[in-house]
């Protein structure tokens, strides 16, 4: 017989902790939303995330790889019209 260790049980919050939390079940059921985080800092975080993603895409496309589509049948039978290639730069 194999004996597995039992993980410790998480401590339960007291009634006062549950009533002060912003994401309680009763507030979600009543349609009240949780307190929103500060607007300008949240907006700035989203802008930074988009800018980093765009910069990463442009660096990859410029220096590493780029996708090309075969436009004509000049390479048949090796490559067919409409095939896509990733070109290592």
PDB file of N, CA and C in Angstrom:
ATOM      1  N   UNK A   1       0.845  -1.172   0.000  1.00  0.00           N
ATOM      2  CA  UNK A   1       0.000   0.000   0.000  1.00  0.00           C
ATOM      3  C   UNK A   1       0.890   1.235   0.000  1.00  0.00           C
ATOM      4  N   UNK A   2       0.533   2.228  -0.828  1.00  0.00           N
ATOM      5  CA  UNK A   2       1.315   3.458  -0.942  1.00  0.00           C
ATOM      6  C   UNK A   2       0.675   4.544  -0.084  1.00  0.00           C
ATOM      7  N   UNK A   3       1.486   5.209   0.718  1.00  0.00           N
ATOM      8  CA  UNK A   3       0.996   6.307   1.550  1.00  0.00           C
ATOM      9  C   UNK A   3       1.471   7.624   0.959  1.00  0.00           C
ATOM     10  N   UNK A   4       0.535   8.490   0.619  1.00  0.00           N
ATOM     11  CA  UNK A   4       0.859   9.800   0.078  1.00  0.00           C
ATOM     12  C   UNK A   4       0.705  10.851   1.162  1.00  0.00           C
ATOM     13  N   UNK A   5       1.585  11.855   1.164  1.00  0.00           N
ATOM     14  CA  UNK A   5       1.452  12.902   2.179  1.00  0.00           C
ATOM     15  C   UNK A   5       0.204  13.745   1.908  1.00  0.00           C
ATOM     16  N   UNK A   6      -0.440  14.154   2.959  1.00  0.00           N
ATOM     17  CA  UNK A   6      -1.645  14.973   2.854  1.00  0.00           C
ATOM     18  C   UNK A   6      -1.233  16.433   2.996  1.00  0.00           C
ATOM     19  N   UNK A   7      -1.615  17.292   2.017  1.00  0.00           N
ATOM     20  CA  UNK A   7      -1.246  18.700   2.132  1.00  0.00           C
ATOM     21  C   UNK A   7      -1.999  19.362   3.273  1.00  0.00           C
ATOM     22  N   UNK A   8      -1.395  20.377   3.903  1.00  0.00           N
ATOM     23  CA  UNK A   8      -2.080  21.057   5.007  1.00  0.00           C
ATOM     24  C   UNK A   8      -3.307  21.798   4.500  1.00  0.00           C
ATOM     25  N   UNK A   9      -4.306  21.889   5.343  1.00  0.00           N
ATOM     26  CA  UNK A   9      -5.542  22.579   4.989  1.00  0.00           C
ATOM     27  C   UNK A   9      -5.317  24.081   5.122  1.00  0.00           C
ATOM     28  N   UNK A  10      -5.773  24.830   4.108  1.00  0.00           N
ATOM     29  CA  UNK A  10      -5.615  26.284   4.140  1.00  0.00           C
ATOM     30  C   UNK A  10      -6.495  26.856   5.242  1.00  0.00           C
ATOM     31  N   UNK A  11      -5.991  27.880   5.908  1.00  0.00           N
ATOM     32  CA  UNK A  11      -6.765  28.500   6.976  1.00  0.00           C
ATOM     33  C   UNK A  11      -7.936  29.268   6.386  1.00  0.00           C
ATOM     34  N   UNK A  12      -9.044  29.245   7.096  1.00  0.00           N
ATOM     35  CA  UNK A  12     -10.232  29.938   6.633  1.00  0.00           C
ATOM     36  C   UNK A  12     -10.214  31.374   7.147  1.00  0.00           C
ATOM     37  N   UNK A  13     -10.786  32.267   6.340  1.00  0.00           N
ATOM     38  CA  UNK A  13     -10.866  33.665   6.757  1.00  0.00           C
ATOM     39  C   UNK A  13     -11.956  33.815   7.800  1.00  0.00           C
ATOM     40  N   UNK A  14     -11.756  34.763   8.683  1.00  0.00           N
ATOM     41  CA  UNK A  14     -12.790  35.035   9.667  1.00  0.00           C
ATOM     42  C   UNK A  14     -13.921  35.813   9.007  1.00  0.00           C
ATOM     43  N   UNK A  15     -15.032  35.934   9.687  1.00  0.00           N
ATOM     44  CA  UNK A  15     -16.199  36.629   9.138  1.00  0.00           C
ATOM     45  C   UNK A  15     -15.883  38.087   8.848  1.00  0.00           C
ATOM     46  N   UNK A  16     -15.052  38.713   9.677  1.00  0.00           N
ATOM     47  CA  UNK A  16     -14.725  40.127   9.448  1.00  0.00           C
ATOM     48  C   UNK A  16     -13.848  40.284   8.218  1.00  0.00           C
ATOM     49  N   UNK A  17     -12.955  39.308   7.931  1.00  0.00           N
ATOM     50  CA  UNK A  17     -12.124  39.369   6.737  1.00  0.00           C
ATOM     51  C   UNK A  17     -12.970  39.207   5.479  1.00  0.00           C
ATOM     52  N   UNK A  18     -13.955  38.314   5.531  1.00  0.00           N
ATOM     53  CA  UNK A  18     -14.801  38.092   4.370  1.00  0.00           C
ATOM     54  C   UNK A  18     -15.677  39.294   4.082  1.00  0.00           C
ATOM     55  N   UNK A  19     -16.148  39.984   5.097  1.00  0.00           N
ATOM     56  CA  UNK A  19     -17.050  41.112   4.859  1.00  0.00           C
ATOM     57  C   UNK A  19     -16.318  42.311   4.291  1.00  0.00           C
ATOM     58  N   UNK A  20     -15.018  42.428   4.515  1.00  0.00           N
ATOM     59  CA  UNK A  20     -14.277  43.579   4.015  1.00  0.00           C
ATOM     60  C   UNK A  20     -13.657  43.341   2.650  1.00  0.00           C
ATOM     61  N   UNK A  21     -13.679  42.102   2.166  1.00  0.00           N
ATOM     62  CA  UNK A  21     -13.064  41.855   0.861  1.00  0.00           C
ATOM     63  C   UNK A  21     -13.950  42.417  -0.235  1.00  0.00           C
ATOM     64  N   UNK A  22     -13.351  42.975  -1.298  1.00  0.00           N
ATOM     65  CA  UNK A  22     -14.095  43.591  -2.394  1.00  0.00           C
ATOM     66  C   UNK A  22     -14.691  42.593  -3.346  1.00  0.00           C
ATOM     67  N   UNK A  23     -14.228  41.360  -3.337  1.00  0.00           N
ATOM     68  CA  UNK A  23     -14.695  40.366  -4.297  1.00  0.00           C
ATOM     69  C   UNK A  23     -15.563  39.309  -3.631  1.00  0.00           C
ATOM     70  N   UNK A  24     -16.371  39.679  -2.655  1.00  0.00           N
ATOM     71  CA  UNK A  24     -17.196  38.693  -1.983  1.00  0.00           C
ATOM     72  C   UNK A  24     -18.289  38.194  -2.909  1.00  0.00           C
ATOM     73  N   UNK A  25     -18.778  37.021  -2.632  1.00  0.00           N
ATOM     74  CA  UNK A  25     -19.793  36.400  -3.474  1.00  0.00           C
ATOM     75  C   UNK A  25     -21.066  37.227  -3.478  1.00  0.00           C
ATOM     76  N   UNK A  26     -21.446  37.743  -2.313  1.00  0.00           N
ATOM     77  CA  UNK A  26     -22.693  38.517  -2.250  1.00  0.00           C
ATOM     78  C   UNK A  26     -22.600  39.787  -3.080  1.00  0.00           C
ATOM     79  N   UNK A  27     -21.445  40.444  -3.096  1.00  0.00           N
ATOM     80  CA  UNK A  27     -21.328  41.662  -3.899  1.00  0.00           C
ATOM     81  C   UNK A  27     -21.305  41.332  -5.389  1.00  0.00           C
ATOM     82  N   UNK A  28     -20.747  40.163  -5.757  1.00  0.00           N
ATOM     83  CA  UNK A  28     -20.741  39.772  -7.159  1.00  0.00           C
ATOM     84  C   UNK A  28     -22.137  39.381  -7.619  1.00  0.00           C
ATOM     85  N   UNK A  29     -22.905  38.736  -6.748  1.00  0.00           N
ATOM     86  CA  UNK A  29     -24.266  38.341  -7.103  1.00  0.00           C
ATOM     87  C   UNK A  29     -25.186  39.540  -7.224  1.00  0.00           C
ATOM     88  N   UNK A  30     -24.949  40.559  -6.419  1.00  0.00           N
ATOM     89  CA  UNK A  30     -25.829  41.724  -6.450  1.00  0.00           C
ATOM     90  C   UNK A  30     -25.499  42.657  -7.609  1.00  0.00           C
ATOM     91  N   UNK A  31     -24.480  42.352  -8.376  1.00  0.00           N
ATOM     92  CA  UNK A  31     -24.140  43.166  -9.537  1.00  0.00           C
ATOM     93  C   UNK A  31     -23.132  44.252  -9.247  1.00  0.00           C
ATOM     94  N   UNK A  32     -22.678  44.343  -8.015  1.00  0.00           N
ATOM     95  CA  UNK A  32     -21.661  45.338  -7.685  1.00  0.00           C
ATOM     96  C   UNK A  32     -20.309  44.823  -8.145  1.00  0.00           C
ATOM     97  N   UNK A  33     -19.576  45.665  -8.793  1.00  0.00           N
ATOM     98  CA  UNK A  33     -18.267  45.233  -9.263  1.00  0.00           C
ATOM     99  C   UNK A  33     -17.209  45.503  -8.200  1.00  0.00           C
ATOM    100  N   UNK A  34     -16.100  44.804  -8.342  1.00  0.00           N
ATOM    101  CA  UNK A  34     -14.986  45.014  -7.435  1.00  0.00           C
ATOM    102  C   UNK A  34     -14.406  46.396  -7.676  1.00  0.00           C
ATOM    103  N   UNK A  35     -13.759  46.972  -6.685  1.00  0.00           N
ATOM    104  CA  UNK A  35     -13.173  48.301  -6.880  1.00  0.00           C
ATOM    105  C   UNK A  35     -12.168  48.287  -8.019  1.00  0.00           C
ATOM    106  N   UNK A  36     -12.288  49.226  -8.921  1.00  0.00           N
ATOM    107  CA  UNK A  36     -11.392  49.298 -10.077  1.00  0.00           C
ATOM    108  C   UNK A  36     -10.035  49.825  -9.645  1.00  0.00           C
ATOM    109  N   UNK A  37      -8.997  49.324 -10.298  1.00  0.00           N
ATOM    110  CA  UNK A  37      -7.673  49.847 -10.011  1.00  0.00           C
ATOM    111  C   UNK A  37      -7.557  51.237 -10.621  1.00  0.00           C
ATOM    112  N   UNK A  38      -6.538  51.941 -10.242  1.00  0.00           N
ATOM    113  CA  UNK A  38      -6.405  53.318 -10.707  1.00  0.00           C
ATOM    114  C   UNK A  38      -6.321  53.362 -12.224  1.00  0.00           C
ATOM    115  N   UNK A  39      -7.058  54.242 -12.841  1.00  0.00           N
ATOM    116  CA  UNK A  39      -7.201  54.316 -14.283  1.00  0.00           C
ATOM    117  C   UNK A  39      -5.925  54.636 -15.035  1.00  0.00           C
ATOM    118  N   UNK A  40      -5.250  55.738 -14.722  1.00  0.00           N
ATOM    119  CA  UNK A  40      -4.068  56.108 -15.516  1.00  0.00           C
ATOM    120  C   UNK A  40      -2.938  55.086 -15.448  1.00  0.00           C
ATOM    121  N   UNK A  41      -2.689  54.500 -14.294  1.00  0.00           N
ATOM    122  CA  UNK A  41      -1.587  53.538 -14.222  1.00  0.00           C
ATOM    123  C   UNK A  41      -1.960  52.250 -14.960  1.00  0.00           C
ATOM    124  N   UNK A  42      -3.232  51.854 -14.889  1.00  0.00           N
ATOM    125  CA  UNK A  42      -3.676  50.676 -15.610  1.00  0.00           C
ATOM    126  C   UNK A  42      -3.584  50.910 -17.122  1.00  0.00           C
ATOM    127  N   UNK A  43      -3.966  52.077 -17.582  1.00  0.00           N
ATOM    128  CA  UNK A  43      -3.861  52.429 -18.990  1.00  0.00           C
ATOM    129  C   UNK A  43      -2.401  52.418 -19.435  1.00  0.00           C
ATOM    130  N   UNK A  44      -1.534  52.983 -18.620  1.00  0.00           N
ATOM    131  CA  UNK A  44      -0.108  53.021 -18.965  1.00  0.00           C
ATOM    132  C   UNK A  44       0.470  51.608 -19.048  1.00  0.00           C
ATOM    133  N   UNK A  45       0.065  50.715 -18.154  1.00  0.00           N
ATOM    134  CA  UNK A  45       0.535  49.321 -18.210  1.00  0.00           C
ATOM    135  C   UNK A  45       0.089  48.651 -19.505  1.00  0.00           C
ATOM    136  N   UNK A  46      -1.143  48.915 -19.928  1.00  0.00           N
ATOM    137  CA  UNK A  46      -1.632  48.335 -21.184  1.00  0.00           C
ATOM    138  C   UNK A  46      -0.869  48.888 -22.378  1.00  0.00           C
ATOM    139  N   UNK A  47      -0.601  50.180 -22.385  1.00  0.00           N
ATOM    140  CA  UNK A  47       0.148  50.796 -23.487  1.00  0.00           C
ATOM    141  C   UNK A  47       1.556  50.211 -23.557  1.00  0.00           C
ATOM    142  N   UNK A  48       2.203  50.057 -22.410  1.00  0.00           N
ATOM    143  CA  UNK A  48       3.552  49.485 -22.393  1.00  0.00           C
ATOM    144  C   UNK A  48       3.543  48.058 -22.923  1.00  0.00           C
ATOM    145  N   UNK A  49       2.539  47.273 -22.562  1.00  0.00           N
ATOM    146  CA  UNK A  49       2.460  45.889 -23.028  1.00  0.00           C
ATOM    147  C   UNK A  49       2.304  45.832 -24.545  1.00  0.00           C
ATOM    148  N   UNK A  50       1.472  46.700 -25.099  1.00  0.00           N
ATOM    149  CA  UNK A  50       1.275  46.724 -26.549  1.00  0.00           C
ATOM    150  C   UNK A  50       2.553  47.169 -27.247  1.00  0.00           C
ATOM    151  N   UNK A  51       3.222  48.196 -26.725  1.00  0.00           N
ATOM    152  CA  UNK A  51       4.454  48.690 -27.347  1.00  0.00           C
ATOM    153  C   UNK A  51       5.560  47.640 -27.321  1.00  0.00           C
ATOM    154  N   UNK A  52       5.683  46.915 -26.230  1.00  0.00           N
ATOM    155  CA  UNK A  52       6.704  45.856 -26.149  1.00  0.00           C
ATOM    156  C   UNK A  52       6.393  44.753 -27.158  1.00  0.00           C
ATOM    157  N   UNK A  53       5.121  44.402 -27.304  1.00  0.00           N
ATOM    158  CA  UNK A  53       4.728  43.368 -28.262  1.00  0.00           C
ATOM    159  C   UNK A  53       5.021  43.793 -29.689  1.00  0.00           C
ATOM    160  N   UNK A  54       4.691  45.033 -30.034  1.00  0.00           N
ATOM    161  CA  UNK A  54       4.952  45.543 -31.382  1.00  0.00           C
ATOM    162  C   UNK A  54       6.453  45.608 -31.649  1.00  0.00           C
ATOM    163  N   UNK A  55       7.230  46.065 -30.672  1.00  0.00           N
ATOM    164  CA  UNK A  55       8.681  46.130 -30.836  1.00  0.00           C
ATOM    165  C   UNK A  55       9.270  44.737 -31.040  1.00  0.00           C
ATOM    166  N   UNK A  56       8.798  43.766 -30.270  1.00  0.00           N
ATOM    167  CA  UNK A  56       9.279  42.389 -30.415  1.00  0.00           C
ATOM    168  C   UNK A  56       8.959  41.863 -31.808  1.00  0.00           C
ATOM    169  N   UNK A  57       7.746  42.108 -32.298  1.00  0.00           N
ATOM    170  CA  UNK A  57       7.349  41.666 -33.636  1.00  0.00           C
ATOM    171  C   UNK A  57       8.230  42.301 -34.702  1.00  0.00           C
ATOM    172  N   UNK A  58       8.477  43.604 -34.599  1.00  0.00           N
ATOM    173  CA  UNK A  58       9.274  44.286 -35.621  1.00  0.00           C
ATOM    174  C   UNK A  58      10.729  43.816 -35.626  1.00  0.00           C
ATOM    175  N   UNK A  59      11.289  43.586 -34.459  1.00  0.00           N
ATOM    176  CA  UNK A  59      12.671  43.088 -34.381  1.00  0.00           C
ATOM    177  C   UNK A  59      12.757  41.696 -34.989  1.00  0.00           C
ATOM    178  N   UNK A  60      11.789  40.825 -34.661  1.00  0.00           N
ATOM    179  CA  UNK A  60      11.807  39.477 -35.246  1.00  0.00           C
ATOM    180  C   UNK A  60      11.677  39.533 -36.757  1.00  0.00           C
ATOM    181  N   UNK A  61      10.759  40.348 -37.247  1.00  0.00           N
ATOM    182  CA  UNK A  61      10.528  40.403 -38.688  1.00  0.00           C
ATOM    183  C   UNK A  61      11.715  41.036 -39.418  1.00  0.00           C
ATOM    184  N   UNK A  62      12.364  41.999 -38.806  1.00  0.00           N
ATOM    185  CA  UNK A  62      13.464  42.691 -39.461  1.00  0.00           C
ATOM    186  C   UNK A  62      14.755  41.877 -39.464  1.00  0.00           C
ATOM    187  N   UNK A  63      15.069  41.242 -38.335  1.00  0.00           N
ATOM    188  CA  UNK A  63      16.381  40.621 -38.206  1.00  0.00           C
ATOM    189  C   UNK A  63      16.382  39.092 -38.198  1.00  0.00           C
ATOM    190  N   UNK A  64      15.281  38.444 -37.869  1.00  0.00           N
ATOM    191  CA  UNK A  64      15.317  36.995 -37.704  1.00  0.00           C
ATOM    192  C   UNK A  64      14.598  36.244 -38.819  1.00  0.00           C
ATOM    193  N   UNK A  65      13.288  36.363 -38.901  1.00  0.00           N
ATOM    194  CA  UNK A  65      12.527  35.604 -39.890  1.00  0.00           C
ATOM    195  C   UNK A  65      11.439  36.475 -40.500  1.00  0.00           C
ATOM    196  N   UNK A  66      11.006  36.087 -41.689  1.00  0.00           N
ATOM    197  CA  UNK A  66       9.876  36.737 -42.329  1.00  0.00           C
ATOM    198  C   UNK A  66       9.126  35.702 -43.148  1.00  0.00           C
ATOM    199  N   UNK A  67       7.824  35.854 -43.232  1.00  0.00           N
ATOM    200  CA  UNK A  67       6.996  34.919 -43.984  1.00  0.00           C
ATOM    201  C   UNK A  67       6.800  35.444 -45.400  1.00  0.00           C
ATOM    202  N   UNK A  68       6.965  34.558 -46.371  1.00  0.00           N
ATOM    203  CA  UNK A  68       6.740  34.888 -47.774  1.00  0.00           C
ATOM    204  C   UNK A  68       5.771  33.877 -48.364  1.00  0.00           C
ATOM    205  N   UNK A  69       4.923  34.323 -49.285  1.00  0.00           N
ATOM    206  CA  UNK A  69       3.992  33.447 -49.994  1.00  0.00           C
ATOM    207  C   UNK A  69       4.501  33.258 -51.410  1.00  0.00           C
ATOM    208  N   UNK A  70       4.461  32.030 -51.912  1.00  0.00           N
ATOM    209  CA  UNK A  70       4.882  31.746 -53.286  1.00  0.00           C
ATOM    210  C   UNK A  70       3.790  32.268 -54.224  1.00  0.00           C
ATOM    211  N   UNK A  71       4.096  33.292 -55.064  1.00  0.00           N
ATOM    212  CA  UNK A  71       3.058  33.921 -55.877  1.00  0.00           C
ATOM    213  C   UNK A  71       2.801  33.236 -57.225  1.00  0.00           C
ATOM    214  N   UNK A  72       3.758  32.474 -57.717  1.00  0.00           N
ATOM    215  CA  UNK A  72       3.582  31.897 -59.057  1.00  0.00           C
ATOM    216  C   UNK A  72       4.045  30.439 -59.065  1.00  0.00           C
ATOM    217  N   UNK A  73       3.837  29.771 -60.182  1.00  0.00           N
ATOM    218  CA  UNK A  73       4.177  28.367 -60.305  1.00  0.00           C
ATOM    219  C   UNK A  73       5.590  28.106 -60.774  1.00  0.00           C
ATOM    220  N   UNK A  74       6.489  29.059 -60.615  1.00  0.00           N
ATOM    221  CA  UNK A  74       7.846  28.896 -61.129  1.00  0.00           C
ATOM    222  C   UNK A  74       8.658  27.847 -60.382  1.00  0.00           C
ATOM    223  N   UNK A  75       8.233  27.437 -59.205  1.00  0.00           N
ATOM    224  CA  UNK A  75       8.988  26.464 -58.417  1.00  0.00           C
ATOM    225  C   UNK A  75       8.283  25.119 -58.328  1.00  0.00           C
ATOM    226  N   UNK A  76       7.244  24.908 -59.130  1.00  0.00           N
ATOM    227  CA  UNK A  76       6.546  23.621 -59.139  1.00  0.00           C
ATOM    228  C   UNK A  76       7.516  22.563 -59.642  1.00  0.00           C
ATOM    229  N   UNK A  77       7.646  21.387 -59.157  1.00  0.00           N
ATOM    230  CA  UNK A  77       6.830  20.666 -58.198  1.00  0.00           C
ATOM    231  C   UNK A  77       7.339  20.788 -56.765  1.00  0.00           C
ATOM    232  N   UNK A  78       8.450  21.479 -56.540  1.00  0.00           N
ATOM    233  CA  UNK A  78       8.990  21.577 -55.183  1.00  0.00           C
ATOM    234  C   UNK A  78       8.095  22.422 -54.285  1.00  0.00           C
ATOM    235  N   UNK A  79       7.738  23.594 -54.741  1.00  0.00           N
ATOM    236  CA  UNK A  79       6.863  24.495 -53.990  1.00  0.00           C
ATOM    237  C   UNK A  79       5.650  24.810 -54.846  1.00  0.00           C
ATOM    238  N   UNK A  80       4.477  24.783 -54.229  1.00  0.00           N
ATOM    239  CA  UNK A  80       3.248  25.031 -54.957  1.00  0.00           C
ATOM    240  C   UNK A  80       2.808  26.487 -54.798  1.00  0.00           C
ATOM    241  N   UNK A  81       1.957  26.944 -55.712  1.00  0.00           N
ATOM    242  CA  UNK A  81       1.427  28.303 -55.644  1.00  0.00           C
ATOM    243  C   UNK A  81       0.619  28.447 -54.355  1.00  0.00           C
ATOM    244  N   UNK A  82       0.890  29.508 -53.602  1.00  0.00           N
ATOM    245  CA  UNK A  82       0.176  29.761 -52.354  1.00  0.00           C
ATOM    246  C   UNK A  82       0.860  29.209 -51.123  1.00  0.00           C
ATOM    247  N   UNK A  83       1.940  28.436 -51.283  1.00  0.00           N
ATOM    248  CA  UNK A  83       2.679  27.928 -50.123  1.00  0.00           C
ATOM    249  C   UNK A  83       3.334  29.094 -49.388  1.00  0.00           C
ATOM    250  N   UNK A  84       3.490  28.924 -48.063  1.00  0.00           N
ATOM    251  CA  UNK A  84       4.149  29.935 -47.243  1.00  0.00           C
ATOM    252  C   UNK A  84       5.504  29.430 -46.801  1.00  0.00           C
ATOM    253  N   UNK A  85       6.490  30.300 -46.782  1.00  0.00           N
ATOM    254  CA  UNK A  85       7.845  29.983 -46.332  1.00  0.00           C
ATOM    255  C   UNK A  85       8.235  30.942 -45.221  1.00  0.00           C
ATOM    256  N   UNK A  86       8.953  30.440 -44.230  1.00  0.00           N
ATOM    257  CA  UNK A  86       9.601  31.304 -43.251  1.00  0.00           C
ATOM    258  C   UNK A  86      11.052  31.410 -43.674  1.00  0.00           C
ATOM    259  N   UNK A  87      11.488  32.617 -43.964  1.00  0.00           N
ATOM    260  CA  UNK A  87      12.829  32.847 -44.463  1.00  0.00           C
ATOM    261  C   UNK A  87      13.717  33.286 -43.307  1.00  0.00           C
ATOM    262  N   UNK A  88      14.836  32.590 -43.130  1.00  0.00           N
ATOM    263  CA  UNK A  88      15.819  32.956 -42.124  1.00  0.00           C
ATOM    264  C   UNK A  88      16.670  34.075 -42.680  1.00  0.00           C
ATOM    265  N   UNK A  89      16.686  35.209 -42.009  1.00  0.00           N
ATOM    266  CA  UNK A  89      17.460  36.336 -42.517  1.00  0.00           C
ATOM    267  C   UNK A  89      18.857  36.208 -41.980  1.00  0.00           C
TER     268      UNK A  89
END
